[in-house]
Amino acid sequence: MLAWTVFDTSALVVLEAARGVRDHHLNYWDAQVWATARLFQLPVVLSEDVAPGATLEGVRFVNPFDAAFQLADWF
């Protein structure tokens, strides 16, 4: 917890995740990550599960395992 910010799961996150499943056809766990990012105004999520470069309501998904991904670009 000292190295990473931890966001609590709340009823609002669960409701927003359910909307992400319905509206964006995400699986629930990806929708929960997306909902948390959206509600806490995080612009980027690192994920190999969502189409790289996809942006859903202001949250951009980046695949850190993509050959084009360069960690140095994020510092």
PDB file of N, CA and C in Angstrom:
ATOM      1  N   MET A   1       0.815  -1.188   0.000  1.00  0.00           N
ATOM      2  CA  MET A   1       0.000   0.000   0.000  1.00  0.00           C
ATOM      3  C   MET A   1       0.861   1.255   0.000  1.00  0.00           C
ATOM      4  N   LEU A   2       2.133   1.118   0.369  1.00  0.00           N
ATOM      5  CA  LEU A   2       3.013   2.273   0.346  1.00  0.00           C
ATOM      6  C   LEU A   2       3.484   2.592  -1.072  1.00  0.00           C
ATOM      7  N   ALA A   3       3.493   1.589  -1.939  1.00  0.00           N
ATOM      8  CA  ALA A   3       4.017   1.788  -3.288  1.00  0.00           C
ATOM      9  C   ALA A   3       2.939   2.141  -4.310  1.00  0.00           C
ATOM     10  N   TRP A   4       1.684   1.763  -4.044  1.00  0.00           N
ATOM     11  CA  TRP A   4       0.614   1.952  -5.013  1.00  0.00           C
ATOM     12  C   TRP A   4      -0.586   2.604  -4.336  1.00  0.00           C
ATOM     13  N   THR A   5      -1.295   3.389  -5.079  1.00  0.00           N
ATOM     14  CA  THR A   5      -2.556   3.921  -4.582  1.00  0.00           C
ATOM     15  C   THR A   5      -3.598   2.804  -4.667  1.00  0.00           C
ATOM     16  N   VAL A   6      -4.319   2.601  -3.590  1.00  0.00           N
ATOM     17  CA  VAL A   6      -5.355   1.570  -3.550  1.00  0.00           C
ATOM     18  C   VAL A   6      -6.715   2.262  -3.494  1.00  0.00           C
ATOM     19  N   PHE A   7      -7.570   1.920  -4.441  1.00  0.00           N
ATOM     20  CA  PHE A   7      -8.903   2.492  -4.491  1.00  0.00           C
ATOM     21  C   PHE A   7      -9.900   1.472  -3.960  1.00  0.00           C
ATOM     22  N   ASP A   8     -10.770   1.916  -3.074  1.00  0.00           N
ATOM     23  CA  ASP A   8     -11.771   1.024  -2.513  1.00  0.00           C
ATOM     24  C   ASP A   8     -12.866   0.717  -3.526  1.00  0.00           C
ATOM     25  N   THR A   9     -13.342  -0.508  -3.467  1.00  0.00           N
ATOM     26  CA  THR A   9     -14.516  -0.880  -4.246  1.00  0.00           C
ATOM     27  C   THR A   9     -15.741  -0.434  -3.459  1.00  0.00           C
ATOM     28  N   SER A  10     -16.600   0.278  -4.120  1.00  0.00           N
ATOM     29  CA  SER A  10     -17.801   0.792  -3.463  1.00  0.00           C
ATOM     30  C   SER A  10     -19.021   0.350  -4.256  1.00  0.00           C
ATOM     31  N   ALA A  11     -20.173   0.611  -3.711  1.00  0.00           N
ATOM     32  CA  ALA A  11     -21.405   0.302  -4.426  1.00  0.00           C
ATOM     33  C   ALA A  11     -21.455   1.045  -5.757  1.00  0.00           C
ATOM     34  N   LEU A  12     -20.952   2.274  -5.783  1.00  0.00           N
ATOM     35  CA  LEU A  12     -20.942   3.050  -7.019  1.00  0.00           C
ATOM     36  C   LEU A  12     -20.039   2.404  -8.074  1.00  0.00           C
ATOM     37  N   VAL A  13     -18.879   1.883  -7.649  1.00  0.00           N
ATOM     38  CA  VAL A  13     -17.989   1.188  -8.585  1.00  0.00           C
ATOM     39  C   VAL A  13     -18.692  -0.044  -9.150  1.00  0.00           C
ATOM     40  N   VAL A  14     -19.363  -0.801  -8.305  1.00  0.00           N
ATOM     41  CA  VAL A  14     -20.076  -2.008  -8.755  1.00  0.00           C
ATOM     42  C   VAL A  14     -21.178  -1.643  -9.752  1.00  0.00           C
ATOM     43  N   LEU A  15     -21.932  -0.602  -9.461  1.00  0.00           N
ATOM     44  CA  LEU A  15     -22.990  -0.171 -10.390  1.00  0.00           C
ATOM     45  C   LEU A  15     -22.413   0.305 -11.724  1.00  0.00           C
ATOM     46  N   GLU A  16     -21.323   1.048 -11.653  1.00  0.00           N
ATOM     47  CA  GLU A  16     -20.688   1.538 -12.884  1.00  0.00           C
ATOM     48  C   GLU A  16     -20.102   0.369 -13.671  1.00  0.00           C
ATOM     49  N   ALA A  17     -19.546  -0.610 -12.981  1.00  0.00           N
ATOM     50  CA  ALA A  17     -19.019  -1.803 -13.653  1.00  0.00           C
ATOM     51  C   ALA A  17     -20.142  -2.560 -14.359  1.00  0.00           C
ATOM     52  N   ALA A  18     -21.281  -2.682 -13.707  1.00  0.00           N
ATOM     53  CA  ALA A  18     -22.423  -3.343 -14.341  1.00  0.00           C
ATOM     54  C   ALA A  18     -22.831  -2.605 -15.609  1.00  0.00           C
ATOM     55  N   ARG A  19     -22.765  -1.286 -15.572  1.00  0.00           N
ATOM     56  CA  ARG A  19     -23.059  -0.497 -16.771  1.00  0.00           C
ATOM     57  C   ARG A  19     -22.016  -0.753 -17.856  1.00  0.00           C
ATOM     58  N   GLY A  20     -20.749  -0.909 -17.440  1.00  0.00           N
ATOM     59  CA  GLY A  20     -19.683  -1.224 -18.400  1.00  0.00           C
ATOM     60  C   GLY A  20     -19.889  -2.570 -19.073  1.00  0.00           C
ATOM     61  N   VAL A  21     -20.412  -3.529 -18.323  1.00  0.00           N
ATOM     62  CA  VAL A  21     -20.740  -4.834 -18.904  1.00  0.00           C
ATOM     63  C   VAL A  21     -21.858  -4.669 -19.919  1.00  0.00           C
ATOM     64  N   ARG A  22     -22.894  -3.952 -19.528  1.00  0.00           N
ATOM     65  CA  ARG A  22     -24.057  -3.776 -20.401  1.00  0.00           C
ATOM     66  C   ARG A  22     -23.739  -2.928 -21.641  1.00  0.00           C
ATOM     67  N   ASP A  23     -23.117  -1.783 -21.425  1.00  0.00           N
ATOM     68  CA  ASP A  23     -22.937  -0.826 -22.525  1.00  0.00           C
ATOM     69  C   ASP A  23     -21.707  -1.090 -23.390  1.00  0.00           C
ATOM     70  N   HIS A  24     -20.638  -1.632 -22.789  1.00  0.00           N
ATOM     71  CA  HIS A  24     -19.379  -1.803 -23.523  1.00  0.00           C
ATOM     72  C   HIS A  24     -19.000  -3.264 -23.720  1.00  0.00           C
ATOM     73  N   HIS A  25     -19.849  -4.158 -23.230  1.00  0.00           N
ATOM     74  CA  HIS A  25     -19.646  -5.602 -23.404  1.00  0.00           C
ATOM     75  C   HIS A  25     -18.319  -6.083 -22.817  1.00  0.00           C
ATOM     76  N   LEU A  26     -17.889  -5.459 -21.714  1.00  0.00           N
ATOM     77  CA  LEU A  26     -16.700  -5.904 -20.997  1.00  0.00           C
ATOM     78  C   LEU A  26     -17.076  -7.066 -20.090  1.00  0.00           C
ATOM     79  N   ASN A  27     -16.103  -7.930 -19.780  1.00  0.00           N
ATOM     80  CA  ASN A  27     -16.405  -8.905 -18.742  1.00  0.00           C
ATOM     81  C   ASN A  27     -16.416  -8.137 -17.416  1.00  0.00           C
ATOM     82  N   TYR A  28     -17.017  -8.730 -16.388  1.00  0.00           N
ATOM     83  CA  TYR A  28     -17.233  -7.956 -15.162  1.00  0.00           C
ATOM     84  C   TYR A  28     -15.937  -7.433 -14.553  1.00  0.00           C
ATOM     85  N   TRP A  29     -14.891  -8.252 -14.489  1.00  0.00           N
ATOM     86  CA  TRP A  29     -13.666  -7.817 -13.799  1.00  0.00           C
ATOM     87  C   TRP A  29     -12.975  -6.690 -14.566  1.00  0.00           C
ATOM     88  N   ASP A  30     -12.946  -6.767 -15.881  1.00  0.00           N
ATOM     89  CA  ASP A  30     -12.404  -5.653 -16.673  1.00  0.00           C
ATOM     90  C   ASP A  30     -13.281  -4.418 -16.498  1.00  0.00           C
ATOM     91  N   ALA A  31     -14.581  -4.618 -16.422  1.00  0.00           N
ATOM     92  CA  ALA A  31     -15.499  -3.498 -16.210  1.00  0.00           C
ATOM     93  C   ALA A  31     -15.275  -2.858 -14.844  1.00  0.00           C
ATOM     94  N   GLN A  32     -14.945  -3.655 -13.859  1.00  0.00           N
ATOM     95  CA  GLN A  32     -14.687  -3.094 -12.533  1.00  0.00           C
ATOM     96  C   GLN A  32     -13.414  -2.240 -12.545  1.00  0.00           C
ATOM     97  N   VAL A  33     -12.386  -2.693 -13.248  1.00  0.00           N
ATOM     98  CA  VAL A  33     -11.162  -1.885 -13.384  1.00  0.00           C
ATOM     99  C   VAL A  33     -11.485  -0.601 -14.135  1.00  0.00           C
ATOM    100  N   TRP A  34     -12.236  -0.717 -15.237  1.00  0.00           N
ATOM    101  CA  TRP A  34     -12.615   0.463 -16.010  1.00  0.00           C
ATOM    102  C   TRP A  34     -13.439   1.436 -15.159  1.00  0.00           C
ATOM    103  N   ALA A  35     -14.409   0.910 -14.417  1.00  0.00           N
ATOM    104  CA  ALA A  35     -15.274   1.760 -13.594  1.00  0.00           C
ATOM    105  C   ALA A  35     -14.469   2.491 -12.524  1.00  0.00           C
ATOM    106  N   THR A  36     -13.541   1.800 -11.908  1.00  0.00           N
ATOM    107  CA  THR A  36     -12.698   2.437 -10.884  1.00  0.00           C
ATOM    108  C   THR A  36     -11.875   3.553 -11.505  1.00  0.00           C
ATOM    109  N   ALA A  37     -11.263   3.274 -12.656  1.00  0.00           N
ATOM    110  CA  ALA A  37     -10.468   4.296 -13.341  1.00  0.00           C
ATOM    111  C   ALA A  37     -11.338   5.494 -13.712  1.00  0.00           C
ATOM    112  N   ARG A  38     -12.511   5.224 -14.236  1.00  0.00           N
ATOM    113  CA  ARG A  38     -13.402   6.307 -14.658  1.00  0.00           C
ATOM    114  C   ARG A  38     -13.851   7.154 -13.477  1.00  0.00           C
ATOM    115  N   LEU A  39     -14.274   6.512 -12.405  1.00  0.00           N
ATOM    116  CA  LEU A  39     -14.793   7.257 -11.259  1.00  0.00           C
ATOM    117  C   LEU A  39     -13.703   8.029 -10.518  1.00  0.00           C
ATOM    118  N   PHE A  40     -12.476   7.513 -10.539  1.00  0.00           N
ATOM    119  CA  PHE A  40     -11.373   8.203  -9.873  1.00  0.00           C
ATOM    120  C   PHE A  40     -10.558   9.052 -10.845  1.00  0.00           C
ATOM    121  N   GLN A  41     -11.081   9.212 -12.069  1.00  0.00           N
ATOM    122  CA  GLN A  41     -10.502  10.073 -13.099  1.00  0.00           C
ATOM    123  C   GLN A  41      -9.071   9.691 -13.455  1.00  0.00           C
ATOM    124  N   LEU A  42      -8.840   8.395 -13.630  1.00  0.00           N
ATOM    125  CA  LEU A  42      -7.543   7.896 -14.090  1.00  0.00           C
ATOM    126  C   LEU A  42      -7.636   7.743 -15.605  1.00  0.00           C
ATOM    127  N   PRO A  43      -6.748   8.394 -16.363  1.00  0.00           N
ATOM    128  CA  PRO A  43      -6.909   8.403 -17.813  1.00  0.00           C
ATOM    129  C   PRO A  43      -6.419   7.156 -18.540  1.00  0.00           C
ATOM    130  N   VAL A  44      -5.571   6.333 -17.881  1.00  0.00           N
ATOM    131  CA  VAL A  44      -4.967   5.189 -18.560  1.00  0.00           C
ATOM    132  C   VAL A  44      -5.027   3.958 -17.670  1.00  0.00           C
ATOM    133  N   VAL A  45      -5.356   2.815 -18.295  1.00  0.00           N
ATOM    134  CA  VAL A  45      -5.323   1.518 -17.622  1.00  0.00           C
ATOM    135  C   VAL A  45      -4.399   0.621 -18.430  1.00  0.00           C
ATOM    136  N   LEU A  46      -3.465  -0.034 -17.749  1.00  0.00           N
ATOM    137  CA  LEU A  46      -2.625  -1.028 -18.409  1.00  0.00           C
ATOM    138  C   LEU A  46      -3.345  -2.368 -18.327  1.00  0.00           C
ATOM    139  N   SER A  47      -3.633  -2.948 -19.486  1.00  0.00           N
ATOM    140  CA  SER A  47      -4.375  -4.204 -19.520  1.00  0.00           C
ATOM    141  C   SER A  47      -4.093  -4.928 -20.824  1.00  0.00           C
ATOM    142  N   GLU A  48      -3.963  -6.233 -20.736  1.00  0.00           N
ATOM    143  CA  GLU A  48      -3.811  -7.031 -21.947  1.00  0.00           C
ATOM    144  C   GLU A  48      -5.152  -7.592 -22.407  1.00  0.00           C
ATOM    145  N   ASP A  49      -6.206  -7.343 -21.648  1.00  0.00           N
ATOM    146  CA  ASP A  49      -7.506  -7.954 -21.918  1.00  0.00           C
ATOM    147  C   ASP A  49      -8.433  -7.120 -22.789  1.00  0.00           C
ATOM    148  N   VAL A  50      -8.207  -5.818 -22.847  1.00  0.00           N
ATOM    149  CA  VAL A  50      -9.071  -4.934 -23.631  1.00  0.00           C
ATOM    150  C   VAL A  50      -8.287  -4.519 -24.871  1.00  0.00           C
ATOM    151  N   ALA A  51      -8.977  -4.309 -25.974  1.00  0.00           N
ATOM    152  CA  ALA A  51      -8.313  -3.948 -27.229  1.00  0.00           C
ATOM    153  C   ALA A  51      -7.350  -2.786 -26.997  1.00  0.00           C
ATOM    154  N   PRO A  52      -6.068  -2.971 -27.329  1.00  0.00           N
ATOM    155  CA  PRO A  52      -5.098  -1.894 -27.103  1.00  0.00           C
ATOM    156  C   PRO A  52      -5.489  -0.629 -27.856  1.00  0.00           C
ATOM    157  N   GLY A  53      -5.343   0.494 -27.191  1.00  0.00           N
ATOM    158  CA  GLY A  53      -5.686   1.767 -27.793  1.00  0.00           C
ATOM    159  C   GLY A  53      -7.153   2.123 -27.666  1.00  0.00           C
ATOM    160  N   ALA A  54      -7.957   1.193 -27.173  1.00  0.00           N
ATOM    161  CA  ALA A  54      -9.378   1.480 -26.983  1.00  0.00           C
ATOM    162  C   ALA A  54      -9.539   2.558 -25.922  1.00  0.00           C
ATOM    163  N   THR A  55     -10.482   3.434 -26.130  1.00  0.00           N
ATOM    164  CA  THR A  55     -10.823   4.453 -25.141  1.00  0.00           C
ATOM    165  C   THR A  55     -12.317   4.353 -24.875  1.00  0.00           C
ATOM    166  N   LEU A  56     -12.655   4.143 -23.613  1.00  0.00           N
ATOM    167  CA  LEU A  56     -14.054   4.034 -23.214  1.00  0.00           C
ATOM    168  C   LEU A  56     -14.374   5.150 -22.235  1.00  0.00           C
ATOM    169  N   GLU A  57     -15.145   6.101 -22.675  1.00  0.00           N
ATOM    170  CA  GLU A  57     -15.583   7.214 -21.834  1.00  0.00           C
ATOM    171  C   GLU A  57     -14.408   7.883 -21.120  1.00  0.00           C
ATOM    172  N   GLY A  58     -13.361   8.142 -21.866  1.00  0.00           N
ATOM    173  CA  GLY A  58     -12.221   8.872 -21.323  1.00  0.00           C
ATOM    174  C   GLY A  58     -11.134   8.024 -20.703  1.00  0.00           C
ATOM    175  N   VAL A  59     -11.328   6.712 -20.604  1.00  0.00           N
ATOM    176  CA  VAL A  59     -10.302   5.819 -20.054  1.00  0.00           C
ATOM    177  C   VAL A  59      -9.657   5.079 -21.222  1.00  0.00           C
ATOM    178  N   ARG A  60      -8.355   5.261 -21.372  1.00  0.00           N
ATOM    179  CA  ARG A  60      -7.606   4.643 -22.465  1.00  0.00           C
ATOM    180  C   ARG A  60      -6.961   3.356 -21.968  1.00  0.00           C
ATOM    181  N   PHE A  61      -7.029   2.303 -22.769  1.00  0.00           N
ATOM    182  CA  PHE A  61      -6.417   1.023 -22.420  1.00  0.00           C
ATOM    183  C   PHE A  61      -5.132   0.838 -23.216  1.00  0.00           C
ATOM    184  N   VAL A  62      -4.074   0.486 -22.512  1.00  0.00           N
ATOM    185  CA  VAL A  62      -2.765   0.278 -23.123  1.00  0.00           C
ATOM    186  C   VAL A  62      -2.289  -1.116 -22.724  1.00  0.00           C
ATOM    187  N   ASN A  63      -1.847  -1.897 -23.712  1.00  0.00           N
ATOM    188  CA  ASN A  63      -1.351  -3.243 -23.444  1.00  0.00           C
ATOM    189  C   ASN A  63       0.158  -3.174 -23.184  1.00  0.00           C
ATOM    190  N   PRO A  64       0.595  -3.429 -21.950  1.00  0.00           N
ATOM    191  CA  PRO A  64       2.027  -3.348 -21.649  1.00  0.00           C
ATOM    192  C   PRO A  64       2.831  -4.497 -22.256  1.00  0.00           C
ATOM    193  N   PHE A  65       2.148  -5.505 -22.800  1.00  0.00           N
ATOM    194  CA  PHE A  65       2.838  -6.629 -23.432  1.00  0.00           C
ATOM    195  C   PHE A  65       2.909  -6.496 -24.944  1.00  0.00           C
ATOM    196  N   ASP A  66       2.337  -5.429 -25.485  1.00  0.00           N
ATOM    197  CA  ASP A  66       2.394  -5.166 -26.913  1.00  0.00           C
ATOM    198  C   ASP A  66       3.836  -4.852 -27.300  1.00  0.00           C
ATOM    199  N   ALA A  67       4.255  -5.341 -28.448  1.00  0.00           N
ATOM    200  CA  ALA A  67       5.639  -5.126 -28.908  1.00  0.00           C
ATOM    201  C   ALA A  67       5.964  -3.638 -29.042  1.00  0.00           C
ATOM    202  N   ALA A  68       4.968  -2.815 -29.325  1.00  0.00           N
ATOM    203  CA  ALA A  68       5.199  -1.378 -29.492  1.00  0.00           C
ATOM    204  C   ALA A  68       5.254  -0.619 -28.159  1.00  0.00           C
ATOM    205  N   PHE A  69       4.897  -1.278 -27.071  1.00  0.00           N
ATOM    206  CA  PHE A  69       4.887  -0.603 -25.768  1.00  0.00           C
ATOM    207  C   PHE A  69       6.315  -0.332 -25.318  1.00  0.00           C
ATOM    208  N   GLN A  70       6.584   0.905 -24.953  1.00  0.00           N
ATOM    209  CA  GLN A  70       7.896   1.309 -24.436  1.00  0.00           C
ATOM    210  C   GLN A  70       7.697   1.925 -23.073  1.00  0.00           C
ATOM    211  N   LEU A  71       8.193   1.260 -22.041  1.00  0.00           N
ATOM    212  CA  LEU A  71       8.027   1.742 -20.679  1.00  0.00           C
ATOM    213  C   LEU A  71       8.587   3.152 -20.516  1.00  0.00           C
ATOM    214  N   ALA A  72       9.671   3.451 -21.176  1.00  0.00           N
ATOM    215  CA  ALA A  72      10.293   4.779 -21.049  1.00  0.00           C
ATOM    216  C   ALA A  72       9.357   5.891 -21.510  1.00  0.00           C
ATOM    217  N   ASP A  73       8.422   5.583 -22.400  1.00  0.00           N
ATOM    218  CA  ASP A  73       7.469   6.590 -22.861  1.00  0.00           C
ATOM    219  C   ASP A  73       6.516   7.059 -21.760  1.00  0.00           C
ATOM    220  N   TRP A  74       6.438   6.313 -20.669  1.00  0.00           N
ATOM    221  CA  TRP A  74       5.480   6.608 -19.606  1.00  0.00           C
ATOM    222  C   TRP A  74       6.104   7.297 -18.413  1.00  0.00           C
ATOM    223  N   PHE A  75       7.370   7.659 -18.528  1.00  0.00           N
ATOM    224  CA  PHE A  75       8.033   8.385 -17.420  1.00  0.00           C
ATOM    225  C   PHE A  75       8.358   9.788 -17.815  1.00  0.00           C
TER     226      PHE A  75
END
